[in-house]
N, C-alpha and C. Protein backbone atom coordinates (compact mmCIF):
# COMPACT_ATOMS: atom_id res chain seq x y z
N MET A 1 21.40 28.71 -5.24
CA MET A 1 22.71 28.14 -5.50
C MET A 1 23.50 29.03 -6.48
N LYS A 2 22.82 29.41 -7.55
CA LYS A 2 23.49 30.21 -8.58
C LYS A 2 23.87 31.59 -8.04
N SER A 3 22.96 32.21 -7.28
CA SER A 3 23.22 33.56 -6.80
C SER A 3 24.40 33.57 -5.82
N SER A 4 24.51 32.54 -4.98
CA SER A 4 25.61 32.51 -4.01
C SER A 4 26.94 32.36 -4.75
N LYS A 5 26.94 31.61 -5.84
CA LYS A 5 28.17 31.45 -6.61
C LYS A 5 28.58 32.79 -7.23
N ASN A 6 27.57 33.51 -7.75
CA ASN A 6 27.86 34.81 -8.35
C ASN A 6 28.39 35.80 -7.32
N SER A 7 27.82 35.80 -6.13
CA SER A 7 28.27 36.74 -5.10
C SER A 7 29.70 36.39 -4.67
N GLN A 8 30.01 35.07 -4.60
CA GLN A 8 31.38 34.68 -4.25
C GLN A 8 32.36 35.18 -5.31
N ARG A 9 31.97 35.04 -6.57
CA ARG A 9 32.84 35.50 -7.65
C ARG A 9 32.99 37.02 -7.58
N GLY A 10 31.89 37.71 -7.26
CA GLY A 10 31.95 39.16 -7.13
C GLY A 10 32.87 39.58 -6.00
N ASN A 11 32.80 38.87 -4.88
CA ASN A 11 33.67 39.19 -3.74
C ASN A 11 35.13 38.94 -4.11
N LEU A 12 35.39 37.85 -4.82
CA LEU A 12 36.75 37.53 -5.23
C LEU A 12 37.27 38.62 -6.16
N PHE A 13 36.41 39.01 -7.12
CA PHE A 13 36.80 40.06 -8.06
C PHE A 13 37.09 41.36 -7.32
N ARG A 14 36.23 41.68 -6.34
CA ARG A 14 36.42 42.90 -5.56
C ARG A 14 37.73 42.84 -4.78
N ALA A 15 38.02 41.67 -4.21
CA ALA A 15 39.26 41.52 -3.44
C ALA A 15 40.47 41.67 -4.34
N ILE A 16 40.43 41.05 -5.52
CA ILE A 16 41.56 41.17 -6.46
C ILE A 16 41.71 42.62 -6.89
N LEU A 17 40.59 43.28 -7.15
CA LEU A 17 40.61 44.69 -7.57
C LEU A 17 41.24 45.54 -6.47
N ALA A 18 40.84 45.29 -5.23
CA ALA A 18 41.37 46.08 -4.11
C ALA A 18 42.88 45.87 -3.98
N VAL A 19 43.32 44.61 -4.11
CA VAL A 19 44.75 44.32 -4.01
C VAL A 19 45.50 45.01 -5.15
N GLY A 20 44.93 44.95 -6.36
CA GLY A 20 45.57 45.59 -7.50
C GLY A 20 45.69 47.09 -7.31
N ILE A 21 44.62 47.72 -6.85
CA ILE A 21 44.63 49.17 -6.62
C ILE A 21 45.68 49.51 -5.56
N THR A 22 45.74 48.69 -4.51
CA THR A 22 46.71 48.93 -3.44
C THR A 22 48.13 48.84 -3.98
N LEU A 23 48.39 47.80 -4.80
CA LEU A 23 49.74 47.63 -5.35
C LEU A 23 50.10 48.79 -6.26
N VAL A 24 49.17 49.20 -7.11
CA VAL A 24 49.44 50.31 -8.03
C VAL A 24 49.70 51.60 -7.24
N THR A 25 48.89 51.84 -6.22
CA THR A 25 49.08 53.04 -5.41
C THR A 25 50.44 53.01 -4.72
N ALA A 26 50.79 51.86 -4.15
CA ALA A 26 52.09 51.74 -3.48
C ALA A 26 53.23 51.96 -4.46
N TYR A 27 53.07 51.43 -5.69
CA TYR A 27 54.11 51.58 -6.71
C TYR A 27 54.29 53.06 -7.08
N PHE A 28 53.15 53.76 -7.28
CA PHE A 28 53.24 55.17 -7.63
C PHE A 28 53.87 55.97 -6.49
N MET A 29 53.50 55.64 -5.25
CA MET A 29 54.08 56.35 -4.11
C MET A 29 55.58 56.11 -4.06
N LEU A 30 56.01 54.87 -4.34
CA LEU A 30 57.43 54.55 -4.35
C LEU A 30 58.14 55.38 -5.41
N LEU A 31 57.54 55.47 -6.60
CA LEU A 31 58.15 56.26 -7.68
C LEU A 31 58.28 57.72 -7.27
N VAL A 32 57.20 58.26 -6.67
CA VAL A 32 57.22 59.66 -6.27
C VAL A 32 58.29 59.89 -5.21
N ILE A 33 58.36 58.98 -4.23
CA ILE A 33 59.36 59.12 -3.16
C ILE A 33 60.77 59.03 -3.75
N ARG A 34 60.96 58.11 -4.69
CA ARG A 34 62.29 57.94 -5.30
C ARG A 34 62.67 59.21 -6.07
N ASN A 35 61.71 59.76 -6.83
CA ASN A 35 61.98 60.99 -7.58
C ASN A 35 62.29 62.13 -6.62
N PHE A 36 61.51 62.22 -5.53
CA PHE A 36 61.72 63.29 -4.55
C PHE A 36 63.10 63.17 -3.92
N ASN A 37 63.48 61.94 -3.53
CA ASN A 37 64.80 61.72 -2.94
C ASN A 37 65.90 62.03 -3.95
N GLY A 38 65.65 61.69 -5.22
CA GLY A 38 66.64 61.97 -6.26
C GLY A 38 66.87 63.46 -6.41
N THR A 39 65.80 64.24 -6.43
CA THR A 39 65.95 65.68 -6.57
C THR A 39 66.62 66.26 -5.32
N LEU A 40 66.29 65.72 -4.15
CA LEU A 40 66.94 66.20 -2.93
C LEU A 40 68.43 65.92 -2.99
N ALA A 41 68.79 64.72 -3.43
CA ALA A 41 70.21 64.36 -3.52
C ALA A 41 70.92 65.27 -4.52
N LYS A 42 70.26 65.57 -5.63
CA LYS A 42 70.87 66.47 -6.63
C LYS A 42 71.08 67.85 -6.03
N GLU A 43 70.08 68.34 -5.28
CA GLU A 43 70.20 69.65 -4.64
C GLU A 43 71.37 69.66 -3.67
N GLU A 44 71.48 68.59 -2.87
CA GLU A 44 72.56 68.50 -1.89
C GLU A 44 73.91 68.48 -2.61
N ALA A 45 74.01 67.70 -3.70
CA ALA A 45 75.26 67.62 -4.45
C ALA A 45 75.61 68.98 -5.03
N ARG A 46 74.61 69.68 -5.55
CA ARG A 46 74.85 71.01 -6.13
C ARG A 46 75.34 71.97 -5.05
N LYS A 47 74.71 71.93 -3.88
CA LYS A 47 75.12 72.81 -2.79
C LYS A 47 76.55 72.50 -2.35
N SER A 48 76.88 71.21 -2.21
CA SER A 48 78.22 70.84 -1.76
C SER A 48 79.25 71.24 -2.80
N SER A 49 78.94 71.05 -4.09
CA SER A 49 79.91 71.42 -5.14
C SER A 49 80.07 72.94 -5.16
N GLN A 50 79.00 73.70 -4.94
CA GLN A 50 79.09 75.15 -4.92
C GLN A 50 79.94 75.60 -3.73
N SER A 51 79.75 74.94 -2.57
CA SER A 51 80.52 75.33 -1.39
C SER A 51 81.99 75.01 -1.60
N VAL A 52 82.29 73.90 -2.28
CA VAL A 52 83.69 73.55 -2.55
C VAL A 52 84.30 74.61 -3.46
N VAL A 53 83.58 75.02 -4.49
CA VAL A 53 84.08 76.06 -5.41
C VAL A 53 84.26 77.37 -4.65
N ALA A 54 83.33 77.69 -3.76
CA ALA A 54 83.41 78.94 -3.01
C ALA A 54 84.62 78.92 -2.08
N HIS A 55 84.93 77.76 -1.50
CA HIS A 55 86.07 77.67 -0.58
C HIS A 55 87.39 77.84 -1.33
N GLN A 56 87.44 77.38 -2.56
CA GLN A 56 88.69 77.54 -3.32
C GLN A 56 88.86 79.02 -3.68
């Protein structure tokens, strides 16, 4: 009886841990993607502003 209760708690803990790791990983990936998109947008803005200056 006691061992089955402990294994259930262990499985629950493992499931919570897995969900937490998944959420943290997804959050970090979101941050990385956002930073990457931000730098791309800055590069595009810099290129467009340079082309505008060049056209003048």
